[in-house]
N, C-alpha and C. Protein backbone atom coordinates (compact mmCIF):
# COMPACT_ATOMS: atom_id res chain seq x y z
N MET A 1 154.63 68.31 51.38
CA MET A 1 155.25 67.23 50.62
C MET A 1 155.11 67.45 49.11
N GLU A 2 154.38 68.45 48.70
CA GLU A 2 154.17 68.64 47.28
C GLU A 2 155.49 68.82 46.54
N GLY A 3 156.49 69.43 47.20
CA GLY A 3 157.79 69.62 46.59
C GLY A 3 158.49 68.31 46.30
N TYR A 4 158.07 67.25 46.95
CA TYR A 4 158.66 65.94 46.74
C TYR A 4 157.82 65.08 45.80
N GLY A 5 156.77 65.65 45.23
CA GLY A 5 155.92 64.88 44.33
C GLY A 5 155.04 63.91 45.08
N GLY A 6 154.68 64.25 46.30
CA GLY A 6 153.91 63.33 47.14
C GLY A 6 152.42 63.54 47.08
N VAL A 7 151.74 63.10 48.12
CA VAL A 7 150.28 63.15 48.22
C VAL A 7 149.80 64.61 48.18
N THR A 8 148.85 64.87 47.31
CA THR A 8 148.27 66.21 47.21
C THR A 8 146.77 66.20 47.46
N SER A 9 146.16 65.01 47.51
CA SER A 9 144.73 64.91 47.80
C SER A 9 144.47 63.58 48.47
N GLY A 10 143.25 63.41 48.93
CA GLY A 10 142.95 62.15 49.59
C GLY A 10 141.48 61.98 49.88
N SER A 11 141.16 60.84 50.44
CA SER A 11 139.80 60.50 50.81
C SER A 11 139.79 60.10 52.28
N CYS A 12 138.59 60.02 52.84
CA CYS A 12 138.44 59.61 54.22
C CYS A 12 137.30 58.59 54.30
N LEU A 13 137.54 57.52 55.05
CA LEU A 13 136.53 56.49 55.28
C LEU A 13 136.22 56.44 56.76
N LEU A 14 134.98 56.65 57.13
CA LEU A 14 134.52 56.43 58.50
C LEU A 14 133.83 55.07 58.47
N ARG A 15 134.52 54.05 58.98
CA ARG A 15 134.04 52.67 58.90
C ARG A 15 132.83 52.49 59.81
N ASP A 16 131.73 52.07 59.23
CA ASP A 16 130.46 51.93 59.92
C ASP A 16 130.14 50.45 60.07
N ALA A 17 129.86 50.03 61.30
CA ALA A 17 129.51 48.62 61.54
C ALA A 17 128.32 48.58 62.48
N GLU A 18 128.47 47.93 63.62
CA GLU A 18 127.39 47.81 64.60
C GLU A 18 126.98 49.19 65.12
N LYS A 19 125.70 49.44 65.28
CA LYS A 19 125.22 50.78 65.63
C LYS A 19 125.51 51.17 67.08
N TYR A 20 125.92 52.41 67.25
CA TYR A 20 126.21 53.01 68.55
C TYR A 20 125.57 54.38 68.53
N SER A 21 125.00 54.80 69.65
CA SER A 21 124.39 56.12 69.73
C SER A 21 124.89 56.83 70.98
N ASN A 22 125.29 58.09 70.79
CA ASN A 22 125.67 58.90 71.95
C ASN A 22 124.54 59.86 72.32
N GLY A 23 123.37 59.64 71.79
CA GLY A 23 122.22 60.48 72.05
C GLY A 23 121.88 61.35 70.85
N ASP A 24 122.89 61.93 70.23
CA ASP A 24 122.67 62.81 69.08
C ASP A 24 122.94 62.12 67.75
N TYR A 25 123.91 61.23 67.74
CA TYR A 25 124.33 60.59 66.50
C TYR A 25 124.33 59.07 66.65
N LYS A 26 124.03 58.40 65.55
CA LYS A 26 124.13 56.96 65.51
C LYS A 26 125.25 56.62 64.53
N ILE A 27 126.17 55.82 64.99
CA ILE A 27 127.31 55.46 64.15
C ILE A 27 127.72 54.03 64.46
N GLY A 28 128.39 53.41 63.53
CA GLY A 28 128.77 52.02 63.70
C GLY A 28 130.04 51.84 64.52
N LEU A 29 130.04 50.80 65.34
CA LEU A 29 131.23 50.42 66.10
C LEU A 29 131.89 49.23 65.42
N ASN A 30 133.18 49.16 65.54
CA ASN A 30 133.95 48.06 64.98
C ASN A 30 134.52 47.23 66.11
N ARG A 31 134.51 45.95 65.93
CA ARG A 31 135.06 45.04 66.94
C ARG A 31 136.42 44.55 66.47
N ARG A 32 137.38 44.63 67.35
CA ARG A 32 138.71 44.10 67.11
C ARG A 32 139.09 43.28 68.34
N THR A 33 139.82 42.21 68.13
CA THR A 33 140.23 41.35 69.24
C THR A 33 141.34 42.01 70.03
N ASP A 34 141.16 42.05 71.35
CA ASP A 34 142.16 42.60 72.25
C ASP A 34 143.24 41.55 72.46
N ALA A 35 144.47 41.88 72.15
CA ALA A 35 145.58 40.94 72.31
C ALA A 35 145.80 40.57 73.76
N ASN A 36 145.30 41.39 74.67
CA ASN A 36 145.50 41.14 76.11
C ASN A 36 144.29 40.48 76.77
N GLU A 37 143.35 39.96 76.00
CA GLU A 37 142.12 39.39 76.58
C GLU A 37 142.40 38.35 77.65
N LYS A 38 143.41 37.53 77.44
CA LYS A 38 143.71 36.46 78.39
C LYS A 38 144.59 36.95 79.53
N ASN A 39 145.15 38.14 79.41
CA ASN A 39 146.04 38.69 80.43
C ASN A 39 145.26 39.73 81.24
N GLU A 40 144.67 39.31 82.34
CA GLU A 40 143.81 40.21 83.12
C GLU A 40 144.59 41.33 83.80
N LYS A 41 145.92 41.22 83.90
CA LYS A 41 146.72 42.24 84.55
C LYS A 41 146.89 43.49 83.69
N SER A 42 146.73 43.37 82.40
CA SER A 42 146.99 44.49 81.51
C SER A 42 145.87 45.52 81.57
N ASP A 43 146.27 46.80 81.59
CA ASP A 43 145.29 47.88 81.55
C ASP A 43 145.31 48.55 80.17
N LYS A 44 145.92 47.90 79.20
CA LYS A 44 146.01 48.46 77.85
C LYS A 44 145.12 47.68 76.90
N TYR A 45 144.61 48.39 75.93
CA TYR A 45 143.83 47.79 74.87
C TYR A 45 144.75 47.69 73.66
N VAL A 46 145.22 46.50 73.38
CA VAL A 46 146.17 46.27 72.30
C VAL A 46 145.49 45.37 71.26
N LEU A 47 145.46 45.83 70.02
CA LEU A 47 144.83 45.04 68.98
C LEU A 47 145.67 43.82 68.64
N ARG A 48 144.99 42.71 68.47
CA ARG A 48 145.67 41.47 68.09
C ARG A 48 146.41 41.69 66.78
N LYS A 49 147.65 41.31 66.75
CA LYS A 49 148.53 41.51 65.60
C LYS A 49 148.65 42.98 65.23
N SER A 50 148.28 43.88 66.16
CA SER A 50 148.35 45.33 65.91
C SER A 50 147.65 45.71 64.62
N HIS A 51 146.54 45.04 64.32
CA HIS A 51 145.90 45.23 63.03
C HIS A 51 144.54 45.91 63.17
N LEU A 52 144.45 47.11 62.63
CA LEU A 52 143.22 47.89 62.70
C LEU A 52 142.44 47.81 61.39
N ILE A 53 143.14 47.91 60.27
CA ILE A 53 142.46 48.03 58.98
C ILE A 53 142.34 46.69 58.27
N SER A 54 141.47 46.67 57.28
CA SER A 54 141.33 45.49 56.43
C SER A 54 141.63 45.90 54.99
N PRO A 55 142.11 44.96 54.16
CA PRO A 55 142.37 45.29 52.76
C PRO A 55 141.12 45.83 52.05
N LYS A 56 139.96 45.30 52.39
CA LYS A 56 138.71 45.78 51.78
C LYS A 56 138.53 47.28 52.04
N ASP A 57 138.80 47.70 53.26
CA ASP A 57 138.67 49.12 53.60
C ASP A 57 139.73 49.95 52.87
N GLU A 58 140.95 49.41 52.81
CA GLU A 58 142.06 50.16 52.22
C GLU A 58 141.89 50.35 50.71
N MET A 59 141.05 49.52 50.08
CA MET A 59 140.80 49.63 48.64
C MET A 59 139.59 50.49 48.30
N ILE A 60 138.94 51.05 49.29
CA ILE A 60 137.65 51.71 49.10
C ILE A 60 137.68 52.81 48.02
N ASP A 61 138.81 53.50 47.89
CA ASP A 61 138.87 54.61 46.95
C ASP A 61 139.68 54.30 45.69
N LEU A 62 140.09 53.05 45.51
CA LEU A 62 140.84 52.69 44.30
C LEU A 62 139.91 52.50 43.12
N THR A 63 140.43 52.80 41.95
CA THR A 63 139.67 52.54 40.72
C THR A 63 139.68 51.03 40.46
N PRO A 64 138.78 50.54 39.63
CA PRO A 64 138.81 49.11 39.28
C PRO A 64 140.16 48.70 38.68
N GLU A 65 140.77 49.60 37.91
CA GLU A 65 142.07 49.30 37.30
C GLU A 65 143.16 49.18 38.37
N GLU A 66 143.12 50.07 39.38
CA GLU A 66 144.11 50.01 40.47
C GLU A 66 143.93 48.74 41.30
N LYS A 67 142.68 48.37 41.56
CA LYS A 67 142.42 47.13 42.31
C LYS A 67 142.95 45.92 41.55
N ASP A 68 142.70 45.90 40.25
CA ASP A 68 143.15 44.79 39.41
C ASP A 68 144.68 44.73 39.36
N ALA A 69 145.32 45.90 39.27
CA ALA A 69 146.79 45.96 39.25
C ALA A 69 147.37 45.44 40.56
N ALA A 70 146.75 45.80 41.69
CA ALA A 70 147.23 45.33 43.00
C ALA A 70 147.12 43.82 43.09
N LEU A 71 146.00 43.28 42.64
CA LEU A 71 145.78 41.84 42.69
C LEU A 71 146.76 41.09 41.79
N GLN A 72 146.92 41.57 40.56
CA GLN A 72 147.83 40.91 39.62
C GLN A 72 149.27 40.93 40.14
N LYS A 73 149.70 42.07 40.67
CA LYS A 73 151.07 42.19 41.17
C LYS A 73 151.30 41.25 42.36
N MET A 74 150.32 41.18 43.26
CA MET A 74 150.46 40.31 44.42
C MET A 74 150.51 38.84 44.00
N ASN A 75 149.60 38.44 43.12
CA ASN A 75 149.56 37.04 42.69
C ASN A 75 150.84 36.66 41.94
N GLN A 76 151.37 37.59 41.16
CA GLN A 76 152.61 37.33 40.44
C GLN A 76 153.77 37.21 41.44
N TYR A 77 153.82 38.11 42.40
CA TYR A 77 154.90 38.12 43.39
C TYR A 77 154.87 36.87 44.27
N LYS A 78 153.66 36.51 44.74
CA LYS A 78 153.52 35.38 45.66
C LYS A 78 153.31 34.04 44.96
N GLY A 79 153.10 34.08 43.66
CA GLY A 79 152.82 32.84 42.94
C GLY A 79 151.51 32.22 43.37
N SER A 80 150.53 33.05 43.67
CA SER A 80 149.24 32.56 44.16
C SER A 80 148.12 32.95 43.21
N THR A 81 146.90 32.53 43.57
CA THR A 81 145.72 32.91 42.80
C THR A 81 144.67 33.48 43.73
N SER A 82 145.08 34.35 44.62
CA SER A 82 144.17 34.96 45.57
C SER A 82 143.20 35.89 44.83
N ASP A 83 142.06 36.14 45.44
CA ASP A 83 141.10 37.07 44.83
C ASP A 83 141.08 38.42 45.55
N LYS A 84 141.97 38.60 46.58
CA LYS A 84 142.02 39.85 47.34
C LYS A 84 143.47 40.24 47.57
N PRO A 85 143.87 41.43 47.12
CA PRO A 85 145.25 41.87 47.37
C PRO A 85 145.44 42.29 48.82
N SER A 86 146.68 42.24 49.27
CA SER A 86 147.01 42.66 50.63
C SER A 86 147.53 44.10 50.63
N GLY A 87 147.65 44.66 51.84
CA GLY A 87 147.99 46.07 52.01
C GLY A 87 149.16 46.60 51.22
N PRO A 88 150.34 45.95 51.25
CA PRO A 88 151.48 46.52 50.51
C PRO A 88 151.20 46.65 49.01
N PHE A 89 150.48 45.71 48.44
CA PHE A 89 150.19 45.76 47.01
C PHE A 89 149.10 46.79 46.71
N ILE A 90 148.20 46.99 47.65
CA ILE A 90 147.18 48.04 47.50
C ILE A 90 147.85 49.40 47.50
N ARG A 91 148.77 49.62 48.46
CA ARG A 91 149.46 50.91 48.54
C ARG A 91 150.34 51.15 47.32
N ASP A 92 150.90 50.07 46.78
CA ASP A 92 151.73 50.20 45.58
C ASP A 92 150.89 50.59 44.37
N ALA A 93 149.65 50.15 44.32
CA ALA A 93 148.76 50.45 43.19
C ALA A 93 148.09 51.82 43.33
N ARG A 94 148.10 52.36 44.54
CA ARG A 94 147.45 53.64 44.80
C ARG A 94 148.14 54.75 44.01
N SER A 95 147.37 55.69 43.49
CA SER A 95 147.93 56.84 42.79
C SER A 95 148.89 57.59 43.71
N PRO A 96 150.06 58.00 43.23
CA PRO A 96 151.03 58.70 44.08
C PRO A 96 150.50 59.99 44.70
N GLN A 97 149.45 60.55 44.14
CA GLN A 97 148.89 61.79 44.67
C GLN A 97 147.80 61.58 45.71
N ASN A 98 147.29 60.35 45.85
CA ASN A 98 146.10 60.12 46.69
C ASN A 98 146.39 59.29 47.93
N GLY A 99 146.09 59.87 49.07
CA GLY A 99 146.18 59.15 50.34
C GLY A 99 144.78 58.81 50.83
N LEU A 100 144.72 58.00 51.86
CA LEU A 100 143.43 57.61 52.44
C LEU A 100 143.53 57.62 53.95
N LEU A 101 142.60 58.31 54.60
CA LEU A 101 142.48 58.30 56.05
C LEU A 101 141.33 57.37 56.41
N LEU A 102 141.60 56.40 57.28
CA LEU A 102 140.56 55.47 57.73
C LEU A 102 140.29 55.73 59.20
N VAL A 103 139.02 55.91 59.56
CA VAL A 103 138.63 56.20 60.93
C VAL A 103 137.71 55.08 61.41
N TYR A 104 138.06 54.50 62.54
CA TYR A 104 137.29 53.41 63.12
C TYR A 104 136.89 53.79 64.54
N LEU A 105 135.62 53.61 64.87
CA LEU A 105 135.19 53.72 66.26
C LEU A 105 135.11 52.29 66.79
N LEU A 106 135.97 52.00 67.76
CA LEU A 106 136.08 50.64 68.28
C LEU A 106 135.19 50.44 69.49
N ASP A 107 134.68 49.24 69.61
CA ASP A 107 133.78 48.86 70.70
C ASP A 107 134.41 49.20 72.05
N PRO A 108 133.76 50.06 72.86
CA PRO A 108 134.34 50.45 74.14
C PRO A 108 134.42 49.31 75.16
N ALA A 109 133.54 48.32 75.04
CA ALA A 109 133.55 47.21 75.99
C ALA A 109 134.88 46.47 75.96
N LYS A 110 135.44 46.31 74.77
CA LYS A 110 136.73 45.62 74.63
C LYS A 110 137.85 46.39 75.32
N ALA A 111 137.75 47.72 75.34
CA ALA A 111 138.79 48.56 75.93
C ALA A 111 138.52 48.88 77.39
N GLY A 112 137.34 48.49 77.89
CA GLY A 112 136.99 48.78 79.28
C GLY A 112 136.66 50.25 79.50
N THR A 113 136.12 50.91 78.48
CA THR A 113 135.73 52.31 78.60
C THR A 113 134.25 52.46 78.29
N VAL A 114 133.74 53.65 78.51
CA VAL A 114 132.33 53.92 78.22
C VAL A 114 132.17 54.42 76.79
N GLU A 115 133.06 55.31 76.38
CA GLU A 115 133.01 55.88 75.03
C GLU A 115 133.85 55.03 74.08
N PRO A 116 133.50 55.02 72.80
CA PRO A 116 134.29 54.26 71.83
C PRO A 116 135.74 54.75 71.75
N VAL A 117 136.63 53.85 71.44
CA VAL A 117 138.03 54.17 71.19
C VAL A 117 138.15 54.53 69.72
N VAL A 118 138.81 55.65 69.42
CA VAL A 118 138.97 56.07 68.04
C VAL A 118 140.28 55.52 67.50
N GLY A 119 140.18 54.79 66.41
CA GLY A 119 141.36 54.25 65.74
C GLY A 119 141.54 54.96 64.40
N LEU A 120 142.75 55.43 64.15
CA LEU A 120 143.07 56.11 62.90
C LEU A 120 144.13 55.34 62.15
N ALA A 121 143.98 55.25 60.86
CA ALA A 121 145.00 54.61 60.02
C ALA A 121 145.12 55.45 58.75
N PHE A 122 146.31 55.49 58.22
CA PHE A 122 146.59 56.20 56.98
C PHE A 122 147.11 55.21 55.96
N SER A 123 146.61 55.31 54.75
CA SER A 123 147.12 54.49 53.66
C SER A 123 147.76 55.43 52.66
N PHE A 124 149.09 55.45 52.68
CA PHE A 124 149.83 56.31 51.76
C PHE A 124 150.32 55.48 50.59
N PRO A 125 150.36 56.08 49.41
CA PRO A 125 150.89 55.35 48.26
C PRO A 125 152.40 55.17 48.39
N VAL A 126 152.92 54.17 47.69
CA VAL A 126 154.36 53.99 47.62
C VAL A 126 154.93 55.20 46.86
N SER A 127 156.06 55.70 47.32
CA SER A 127 156.66 56.86 46.68
C SER A 127 158.16 56.65 46.51
N ILE A 128 158.64 56.87 45.30
CA ILE A 128 160.08 56.77 45.08
C ILE A 128 160.80 58.00 45.64
N ASN A 129 160.04 59.05 45.94
CA ASN A 129 160.63 60.28 46.47
C ASN A 129 160.58 60.36 47.99
N ALA A 130 160.01 59.37 48.63
CA ALA A 130 159.86 59.43 50.09
C ALA A 130 161.23 59.40 50.76
N ARG A 131 161.36 60.22 51.80
CA ARG A 131 162.59 60.24 52.59
C ARG A 131 162.42 59.29 53.77
N LYS A 132 163.41 58.45 54.01
CA LYS A 132 163.36 57.54 55.14
C LYS A 132 163.72 58.32 56.40
N ILE A 133 162.97 58.03 57.46
CA ILE A 133 163.20 58.68 58.74
C ILE A 133 163.37 57.60 59.79
N LYS A 134 164.42 57.69 60.59
CA LYS A 134 164.63 56.74 61.67
C LYS A 134 164.07 57.35 62.95
N TYR A 135 163.41 56.51 63.72
CA TYR A 135 162.84 56.94 65.00
C TYR A 135 163.53 56.19 66.12
N ARG A 136 163.67 56.86 67.24
CA ARG A 136 164.26 56.23 68.40
C ARG A 136 163.44 56.65 69.62
N VAL A 137 163.14 55.71 70.49
CA VAL A 137 162.41 56.03 71.72
C VAL A 137 163.25 55.59 72.91
N ASN A 138 163.02 56.25 74.04
CA ASN A 138 163.78 55.87 75.24
C ASN A 138 163.12 54.68 75.93
N ASN A 139 163.81 54.14 76.93
CA ASN A 139 163.33 52.94 77.63
C ASN A 139 161.99 53.16 78.32
N VAL A 140 161.77 54.35 78.88
CA VAL A 140 160.51 54.63 79.58
C VAL A 140 159.34 54.51 78.60
N TYR A 141 159.46 55.13 77.45
CA TYR A 141 158.40 55.05 76.43
C TYR A 141 158.20 53.60 75.99
N ALA A 142 159.30 52.91 75.72
CA ALA A 142 159.21 51.52 75.26
C ALA A 142 158.49 50.65 76.29
N GLU A 143 158.76 50.87 77.56
CA GLU A 143 158.11 50.07 78.62
C GLU A 143 156.65 50.45 78.79
N GLN A 144 156.35 51.76 78.85
CA GLN A 144 155.00 52.22 79.11
C GLN A 144 154.06 52.00 77.93
N GLU A 145 154.52 52.30 76.76
CA GLU A 145 153.63 52.26 75.59
C GLU A 145 153.70 50.98 74.80
N LEU A 146 154.85 50.34 74.79
CA LEU A 146 155.01 49.15 73.96
C LEU A 146 155.13 47.87 74.76
N GLY A 147 155.28 48.00 76.08
CA GLY A 147 155.39 46.82 76.94
C GLY A 147 156.71 46.11 76.81
N ILE A 148 157.73 46.81 76.32
CA ILE A 148 159.06 46.22 76.16
C ILE A 148 159.89 46.54 77.39
N ASN A 149 160.39 45.51 78.05
CA ASN A 149 161.19 45.70 79.25
C ASN A 149 162.65 45.44 78.91
N HIS A 150 163.48 46.46 79.09
CA HIS A 150 164.90 46.36 78.73
C HIS A 150 165.77 45.91 79.89
N ALA A 151 165.19 45.47 80.98
CA ALA A 151 165.98 45.08 82.17
C ALA A 151 166.75 43.80 81.95
């Protein structure tokens, strides 16, 4: 992507919360609400509102000036006086060269597994050079992975 003036460097956050040990390493687990908790028929672990990351995590590598710019832009846009910017404004304030990889180890009990579920998220800066890409999936994928029934 360098030819498009895009991301050329980045940071990585391994989000640490409640302690988990696999015998050799101790690392934090993150808890997220399963959207299917009330639906006992589902064998999928779906995050409520499909939300893995938090704005606090997404701002981890921003400078104080970038954080302030994100907050000011959001408050101006929304006409509010919030003290925490949301994701779109954080990504807009992010340097065009810097991306962020966020890694979460999710509580295995919520997913019905023994080992933690690995959640990955990317925070890319807004880019005026980004090319839009349309994606299309077939009905089988939509039904199996997204739970969308086209019948």
